Structure formats: structure tokens, C-alpha cells
PDB file of N, CA and C in Angstrom:
ATOM      1  N   UNK A   1      21.079  58.346 149.257  1.00  0.00           N
ATOM      2  CA  UNK A   1      21.681  58.250 150.565  1.00  0.00           C
ATOM      3  C   UNK A   1      21.537  59.616 151.247  1.00  0.00           C
ATOM      4  N   UNK A   2      21.079  59.623 152.481  1.00  0.00           N
ATOM      5  CA  UNK A   2      20.942  60.883 153.206  1.00  0.00           C
ATOM      6  C   UNK A   2      22.089  61.049 154.194  1.00  0.00           C
ATOM      7  N   UNK A   3      22.460  62.301 154.423  1.00  0.00           N
ATOM      8  CA  UNK A   3      23.558  62.591 155.349  1.00  0.00           C
ATOM      9  C   UNK A   3      23.037  62.569 156.778  1.00  0.00           C
ATOM     10  N   UNK A   4      23.811  62.019 157.665  1.00  0.00           N
ATOM     11  CA  UNK A   4      23.466  62.000 159.083  1.00  0.00           C
ATOM     12  C   UNK A   4      24.166  63.178 159.733  1.00  0.00           C
ATOM     13  N   UNK A   5      23.409  63.972 160.475  1.00  0.00           N
ATOM     14  CA  UNK A   5      24.001  65.129 161.151  1.00  0.00           C
ATOM     15  C   UNK A   5      23.844  64.978 162.650  1.00  0.00           C
ATOM     16  N   UNK A   6      24.769  65.579 163.354  1.00  0.00           N
ATOM     17  CA  UNK A   6      24.715  65.571 164.811  1.00  0.00           C
ATOM     18  C   UNK A   6      23.655  66.569 165.273  1.00  0.00           C
ATOM     19  N   UNK A   7      22.970  66.276 166.374  1.00  0.00           N
ATOM     20  CA  UNK A   7      21.988  67.235 166.889  1.00  0.00           C
ATOM     21  C   UNK A   7      22.686  68.522 167.327  1.00  0.00           C
ATOM     22  N   UNK A   8      22.034  69.619 167.077  1.00  0.00           N
ATOM     23  CA  UNK A   8      22.572  70.919 167.459  1.00  0.00           C
ATOM     24  C   UNK A   8      22.303  71.167 168.939  1.00  0.00           C
ATOM     25  N   UNK A   9      23.327  71.585 169.657  1.00  0.00           N
ATOM     26  CA  UNK A   9      23.159  71.952 171.058  1.00  0.00           C
ATOM     27  C   UNK A   9      23.422  73.441 171.188  1.00  0.00           C
ATOM     28  N   UNK A  10      22.705  74.096 172.090  1.00  0.00           N
ATOM     29  CA  UNK A  10      22.942  75.530 172.257  1.00  0.00           C
ATOM     30  C   UNK A  10      24.361  75.789 172.757  1.00  0.00           C
ATOM     31  N   UNK A  11      24.944  76.882 172.301  1.00  0.00           N
ATOM     32  CA  UNK A  11      26.291  77.244 172.722  1.00  0.00           C
ATOM     33  C   UNK A  11      26.273  77.657 174.187  1.00  0.00           C
ATOM     34  N   UNK A  12      27.266  77.228 174.909  1.00  0.00           N
ATOM     35  CA  UNK A  12      27.374  77.601 176.320  1.00  0.00           C
ATOM     36  C   UNK A  12      27.790  79.063 176.419  1.00  0.00           C
ATOM     37  N   UNK A  13      27.314  79.707 177.454  1.00  0.00           N
ATOM     38  CA  UNK A  13      27.713  81.093 177.691  1.00  0.00           C
ATOM     39  C   UNK A  13      29.186  81.115 178.093  1.00  0.00           C
ATOM     40  N   UNK A  14      29.935  82.122 177.625  1.00  0.00           N
ATOM     41  CA  UNK A  14      31.334  82.201 178.036  1.00  0.00           C
ATOM     42  C   UNK A  14      31.424  82.492 179.534  1.00  0.00           C
ATOM     43  N   UNK A  15      32.507  82.082 180.161  1.00  0.00           N
ATOM     44  CA  UNK A  15      32.660  82.353 181.590  1.00  0.00           C
ATOM     45  C   UNK A  15      32.740  83.852 181.859  1.00  0.00           C
ATOM     46  N   UNK A  16      32.337  84.237 183.037  1.00  0.00           N
ATOM     47  CA  UNK A  16      32.402  85.644 183.434  1.00  0.00           C
ATOM     48  C   UNK A  16      33.435  85.767 184.547  1.00  0.00           C
ATOM     49  N   UNK A  17      34.424  86.621 184.324  1.00  0.00           N
ATOM     50  CA  UNK A  17      35.506  86.793 185.293  1.00  0.00           C
ATOM     51  C   UNK A  17      35.338  88.036 186.144  1.00  0.00           C
ATOM     52  N   UNK A  18      34.543  88.984 185.662  1.00  0.00           N
ATOM     53  CA  UNK A  18      34.421  90.253 186.360  1.00  0.00           C
ATOM     54  C   UNK A  18      35.391  91.299 185.847  1.00  0.00           C
ATOM     55  N   UNK A  19      36.304  90.904 184.973  1.00  0.00           N
ATOM     56  CA  UNK A  19      37.234  91.837 184.341  1.00  0.00           C
ATOM     57  C   UNK A  19      36.723  92.034 182.923  1.00  0.00           C
ATOM     58  N   UNK A  20      36.247  93.235 182.643  1.00  0.00           N
ATOM     59  CA  UNK A  20      35.554  93.505 181.384  1.00  0.00           C
ATOM     60  C   UNK A  20      36.371  93.108 180.159  1.00  0.00           C
ATOM     61  N   UNK A  21      37.667  93.434 180.151  1.00  0.00           N
ATOM     62  CA  UNK A  21      38.498  93.128 178.986  1.00  0.00           C
ATOM     63  C   UNK A  21      38.589  91.626 178.747  1.00  0.00           C
ATOM     64  N   UNK A  22      38.747  90.857 179.814  1.00  0.00           N
ATOM     65  CA  UNK A  22      38.837  89.407 179.681  1.00  0.00           C
ATOM     66  C   UNK A  22      37.496  88.837 179.241  1.00  0.00           C
ATOM     67  N   UNK A  23      36.416  89.303 179.861  1.00  0.00           N
ATOM     68  CA  UNK A  23      35.088  88.809 179.502  1.00  0.00           C
ATOM     69  C   UNK A  23      34.772  89.083 178.036  1.00  0.00           C
ATOM     70  N   UNK A  24      35.134  90.260 177.540  1.00  0.00           N
ATOM     71  CA  UNK A  24      34.901  90.601 176.132  1.00  0.00           C
ATOM     72  C   UNK A  24      35.738  89.708 175.212  1.00  0.00           C
ATOM     73  N   UNK A  25      36.988  89.464 175.601  1.00  0.00           N
ATOM     74  CA  UNK A  25      37.855  88.621 174.776  1.00  0.00           C
ATOM     75  C   UNK A  25      37.333  87.189 174.720  1.00  0.00           C
ATOM     76  N   UNK A  26      36.872  86.664 175.848  1.00  0.00           N
ATOM     77  CA  UNK A  26      36.330  85.307 175.868  1.00  0.00           C
ATOM     78  C   UNK A  26      35.035  85.214 175.072  1.00  0.00           C
ATOM     79  N   UNK A  27      34.200  86.252 175.149  1.00  0.00           N
ATOM     80  CA  UNK A  27      32.940  86.251 174.404  1.00  0.00           C
ATOM     81  C   UNK A  27      33.185  86.301 172.895  1.00  0.00           C
ATOM     82  N   UNK A  28      34.331  86.854 172.488  1.00  0.00           N
ATOM     83  CA  UNK A  28      34.637  86.986 171.059  1.00  0.00           C
ATOM     84  C   UNK A  28      35.153  85.679 170.455  1.00  0.00           C
ATOM     85  N   UNK A  29      35.541  84.722 171.287  1.00  0.00           N
ATOM     86  CA  UNK A  29      36.055  83.449 170.782  1.00  0.00           C
ATOM     87  C   UNK A  29      34.894  82.602 170.287  1.00  0.00           C
ATOM     88  N   UNK A  30      34.929  82.247 169.017  1.00  0.00           N
ATOM     89  CA  UNK A  30      33.906  81.404 168.389  1.00  0.00           C
ATOM     90  C   UNK A  30      34.604  80.204 167.770  1.00  0.00           C
ATOM     91  N   UNK A  31      34.463  79.066 168.408  1.00  0.00           N
ATOM     92  CA  UNK A  31      35.146  77.874 167.919  1.00  0.00           C
ATOM     93  C   UNK A  31      34.264  77.024 167.024  1.00  0.00           C
ATOM     94  N   UNK A  32      33.110  77.569 166.614  1.00  0.00           N
ATOM     95  CA  UNK A  32      32.227  76.811 165.740  1.00  0.00           C
ATOM     96  C   UNK A  32      32.453  77.148 164.267  1.00  0.00           C
ATOM     97  N   UNK A  33      33.308  78.100 163.997  1.00  0.00           N
ATOM     98  CA  UNK A  33      33.593  78.494 162.621  1.00  0.00           C
ATOM     99  C   UNK A  33      34.747  77.687 162.056  1.00  0.00           C
ATOM    100  N   UNK A  34      35.358  78.193 161.001  1.00  0.00           N
ATOM    101  CA  UNK A  34      36.478  77.495 160.373  1.00  0.00           C
ATOM    102  C   UNK A  34      37.636  77.281 161.350  1.00  0.00           C
ATOM    103  N   UNK A  35      38.176  76.083 161.365  1.00  0.00           N
ATOM    104  CA  UNK A  35      39.272  75.744 162.267  1.00  0.00           C
ATOM    105  C   UNK A  35      40.464  76.666 162.036  1.00  0.00           C
ATOM    106  N   UNK A  36      40.655  77.112 160.821  1.00  0.00           N
ATOM    107  CA  UNK A  36      41.795  77.982 160.514  1.00  0.00           C
ATOM    108  C   UNK A  36      41.740  79.303 161.268  1.00  0.00           C
ATOM    109  N   UNK A  37      40.575  79.689 161.767  1.00  0.00           N
ATOM    110  CA  UNK A  37      40.429  80.941 162.516  1.00  0.00           C
ATOM    111  C   UNK A  37      40.587  80.744 164.016  1.00  0.00           C
ATOM    112  N   UNK A  38      40.565  79.531 164.508  1.00  0.00           N
ATOM    113  CA  UNK A  38      40.626  79.277 165.944  1.00  0.00           C
ATOM    114  C   UNK A  38      41.907  79.808 166.570  1.00  0.00           C
ATOM    115  N   UNK A  39      43.040  79.553 165.919  1.00  0.00           N
ATOM    116  CA  UNK A  39      44.323  79.978 166.483  1.00  0.00           C
ATOM    117  C   UNK A  39      44.357  81.485 166.704  1.00  0.00           C
ATOM    118  N   UNK A  40      43.908  82.238 165.725  1.00  0.00           N
ATOM    119  CA  UNK A  40      43.923  83.692 165.828  1.00  0.00           C
ATOM    120  C   UNK A  40      43.021  84.164 166.966  1.00  0.00           C
ATOM    121  N   UNK A  41      41.838  83.579 167.094  1.00  0.00           N
ATOM    122  CA  UNK A  41      40.916  83.981 168.146  1.00  0.00           C
ATOM    123  C   UNK A  41      41.472  83.649 169.527  1.00  0.00           C
ATOM    124  N   UNK A  42      42.022  82.457 169.668  1.00  0.00           N
ATOM    125  CA  UNK A  42      42.577  82.048 170.958  1.00  0.00           C
ATOM    126  C   UNK A  42      43.811  82.881 171.312  1.00  0.00           C
ATOM    127  N   UNK A  43      44.638  83.183 170.338  1.00  0.00           N
ATOM    128  CA  UNK A  43      45.816  84.019 170.580  1.00  0.00           C
ATOM    129  C   UNK A  43      45.421  85.408 171.064  1.00  0.00           C
ATOM    130  N   UNK A  44      44.386  85.977 170.470  1.00  0.00           N
ATOM    131  CA  UNK A  44      43.917  87.294 170.886  1.00  0.00           C
ATOM    132  C   UNK A  44      43.393  87.254 172.326  1.00  0.00           C
ATOM    133  N   UNK A  45      42.669  86.209 172.678  1.00  0.00           N
ATOM    134  CA  UNK A  45      42.150  86.086 174.041  1.00  0.00           C
ATOM    135  C   UNK A  45      43.284  85.909 175.043  1.00  0.00           C
ATOM    136  N   UNK A  46      44.290  85.114 174.691  1.00  0.00           N
ATOM    137  CA  UNK A  46      45.431  84.904 175.587  1.00  0.00           C
ATOM    138  C   UNK A  46      46.195  86.209 175.779  1.00  0.00           C
ATOM    139  N   UNK A  47      46.356  86.995 174.740  1.00  0.00           N
ATOM    140  CA  UNK A  47      47.044  88.287 174.847  1.00  0.00           C
ATOM    141  C   UNK A  47      46.321  89.207 175.821  1.00  0.00           C
ATOM    142  N   UNK A  48      45.000  89.258 175.740  1.00  0.00           N
ATOM    143  CA  UNK A  48      44.217  90.087 176.669  1.00  0.00           C
ATOM    144  C   UNK A  48      44.401  89.579 178.094  1.00  0.00           C
ATOM    145  N   UNK A  49      44.370  88.280 178.284  1.00  0.00           N
ATOM    146  CA  UNK A  49      44.555  87.694 179.607  1.00  0.00           C
ATOM    147  C   UNK A  49      45.945  88.026 180.156  1.00  0.00           C
ATOM    148  N   UNK A  50      46.987  87.879 179.344  1.00  0.00           N
ATOM    149  CA  UNK A  50      48.334  88.194 179.784  1.00  0.00           C
ATOM    150  C   UNK A  50      48.459  89.666 180.175  1.00  0.00           C
ATOM    151  N   UNK A  51      47.856  90.541 179.399  1.00  0.00           N
ATOM    152  CA  UNK A  51      47.915  91.974 179.712  1.00  0.00           C
ATOM    153  C   UNK A  51      47.203  92.252 181.035  1.00  0.00           C
ATOM    154  N   UNK A  52      46.065  91.620 181.257  1.00  0.00           N
ATOM    155  CA  UNK A  52      45.335  91.830 182.511  1.00  0.00           C
ATOM    156  C   UNK A  52      46.128  91.306 183.703  1.00  0.00           C
ATOM    157  N   UNK A  53      46.860  90.224 183.523  1.00  0.00           N
ATOM    158  CA  UNK A  53      47.662  89.673 184.614  1.00  0.00           C
ATOM    159  C   UNK A  53      48.915  90.526 184.878  1.00  0.00           C
ATOM    160  N   UNK A  54      49.455  91.134 183.823  1.00  0.00           N
ATOM    161  CA  UNK A  54      50.632  91.998 184.002  1.00  0.00           C
ATOM    162  C   UNK A  54      50.269  93.302 184.697  1.00  0.00           C
ATOM    163  N   UNK A  55      49.076  93.793 184.450  1.00  0.00           N
ATOM    164  CA  UNK A  55      48.667  95.103 184.989  1.00  0.00           C
ATOM    165  C   UNK A  55      47.297  94.960 185.653  1.00  0.00           C
ATOM    166  N   UNK A  56      47.227  94.261 186.788  1.00  0.00           N
ATOM    167  CA  UNK A  56      45.916  94.086 187.438  1.00  0.00           C
ATOM    168  C   UNK A  56      45.381  95.412 187.974  1.00  0.00           C
ATOM    169  N   UNK A  57      44.079  95.514 187.946  1.00  0.00           N
ATOM    170  CA  UNK A  57      43.429  96.710 188.485  1.00  0.00           C
ATOM    171  C   UNK A  57      43.290  96.542 189.996  1.00  0.00           C
ATOM    172  N   UNK A  58      43.408  97.622 190.687  1.00  0.00           N
ATOM    173  CA  UNK A  58      43.276  97.582 192.147  1.00  0.00           C
ATOM    174  C   UNK A  58      41.882  97.942 192.567  1.00  0.00           C
TER     175      UNK A  58
END
């Protein structure tokens, strides 16, 4: 019996916001790895976003 696999699609580029810290945090999120790591990656990205919203650059 052979295993059926889904076709591989190229990963989409992360969105670009123009705020370097946010763009770097979004680029670091990799949801194709172990599910157990997703929460940590998403939490780190949300923290960067919250910090950028609390202290916007002029």
C-alpha cells in the first residue's frame, strides 16, 4: 500500500507592513513545523505587534 500525499504548494510571502519589527516577527512565524511550536511563534509575533501599537513611530 502506498501513502497518498498532498501536493506541495509554495509558501506565501509574509505580509509587509512597513514596520521593520512587525515584518521581522511575521517572517519568523513558520506554521509548517510541529503544531506544538505554533503557539510560541504566534505569541511572540503578537507581543511585537502590541509593542509597536503601544509605541508607534512618528
